[in-house]
Amino acid sequence: TVDLHAQIHFGDASYFRYFDEDAAFSSRYDRILYELVVEEKFLARSETAPSLRRLIPMDGSSLNPIAPTRSDRSTASQYGLQCQVDG
């Protein structure tokens, strides 16, 4: 069985906590796969599984490809919500 869960970019903090907590979400599945669309330069091959790629940690000197814009944060705030990566 495969369950698909749509992820949104703005939401209530409890929405994002549900997907981050092992007891509520992760423990229910054998594997969890996340999709991310970014340029290849922001990815590195996994050392343990070369067919997988991981987001390269940002060192602060370059633009984070998944950081919400000021406009995104403003929109979320207007509705009492937060951006997904800020949770």
Protein backbone atom coordinates (compact mmCIF):
# COMPACT_ATOMS: atom_id res chain seq x y z
CA THR A 1 0.00 0.00 0.00
CA VAL A 2 1.20 3.51 -0.81
CA ASP A 3 -0.21 6.57 0.94
CA LEU A 4 0.34 9.96 -0.68
CA HIS A 5 0.30 13.06 1.53
CA ALA A 6 0.22 16.44 -0.15
CA GLN A 7 2.44 19.01 1.52
CA ILE A 8 1.57 22.67 1.51
CA HIS A 9 3.90 25.61 2.04
CA PHE A 10 1.71 27.62 4.45
CA GLY A 11 -0.07 26.10 7.42
CA ASP A 12 -0.78 26.01 11.10
CA ALA A 13 2.21 24.89 13.18
CA SER A 14 0.32 21.75 14.28
CA TYR A 15 -0.01 20.66 10.63
CA PHE A 16 3.77 20.59 10.22
CA ARG A 17 4.36 19.01 13.66
CA TYR A 18 2.12 16.08 12.65
CA PHE A 19 4.47 15.18 9.80
CA ASP A 20 7.61 15.70 11.94
CA GLU A 21 6.60 13.60 14.96
CA ASP A 22 7.47 9.90 14.93
CA ALA A 23 4.51 8.82 17.06
CA ALA A 24 1.95 10.66 14.94
CA PHE A 25 3.24 9.99 11.45
CA SER A 26 6.62 8.39 10.81
CA SER A 27 6.09 5.30 12.97
CA ARG A 28 3.11 4.31 10.80
CA TYR A 29 5.27 3.67 7.72
CA ASP A 30 8.20 1.50 6.69
CA ARG A 31 9.62 4.29 4.51
CA ILE A 32 8.85 7.93 3.90
CA LEU A 33 10.00 9.62 0.71
CA TYR A 34 9.94 13.37 0.16
CA GLU A 35 9.95 15.15 -3.17
CA LEU A 36 11.91 18.35 -3.69
CA VAL A 37 12.44 20.33 -6.86
CA VAL A 38 15.70 22.32 -6.88
CA GLU A 39 18.66 22.80 -9.17
CA GLU A 40 21.19 19.95 -9.28
CA LYS A 41 23.90 22.21 -7.81
CA PHE A 42 22.06 22.18 -4.46
CA LEU A 43 22.17 18.37 -4.20
CA ALA A 44 24.81 15.81 -3.24
CA ARG A 45 24.75 12.03 -3.67
CA SER A 46 24.11 10.05 -0.52
CA GLU A 47 27.19 8.15 0.68
CA THR A 48 25.09 5.18 1.81
CA ALA A 49 22.75 5.06 -1.20
CA PRO A 50 24.35 6.59 -4.33
CA SER A 51 21.05 6.60 -6.22
CA LEU A 52 19.65 9.08 -3.66
CA ARG A 53 20.49 12.75 -3.42
CA ARG A 54 20.36 14.99 -0.38
CA LEU A 55 20.09 18.75 -0.05
CA ILE A 56 23.52 20.26 0.60
CA PRO A 57 23.53 22.15 3.94
CA MET A 58 23.84 25.88 3.43
CA ASP A 59 26.84 27.65 4.97
CA GLY A 60 25.14 31.02 5.25
CA SER A 61 27.07 32.57 2.37
CA SER A 62 24.73 31.32 -0.37
CA LEU A 63 21.02 31.53 -1.05
CA ASN A 64 19.02 28.68 0.45
CA PRO A 65 16.95 27.20 -2.43
CA ILE A 66 14.04 26.23 -0.16
CA ALA A 67 13.90 29.31 2.06
CA PRO A 68 10.59 31.18 1.89
CA THR A 69 10.70 34.67 0.46
CA ARG A 70 9.79 37.73 2.50
CA SER A 71 6.53 37.81 0.55
CA ASP A 72 5.79 34.16 1.48
CA ARG A 73 6.35 34.89 5.17
CA SER A 74 4.20 38.01 4.96
CA THR A 75 1.32 36.13 3.31
CA ALA A 76 1.46 33.33 5.87
CA SER A 77 1.58 35.81 8.74
CA GLN A 78 -1.48 37.68 7.46
CA TYR A 79 -3.50 34.48 7.96
CA GLY A 80 -1.90 33.51 11.28
CA LEU A 81 0.08 30.73 9.61
CA GLN A 82 3.75 29.92 9.12
CA CYS A 83 5.91 28.75 6.23
CA GLN A 84 6.73 25.05 6.13
CA VAL A 85 10.50 25.40 6.59
CA ASP A 86 10.04 27.85 9.49
CA GLY A 87 8.24 25.25 11.61
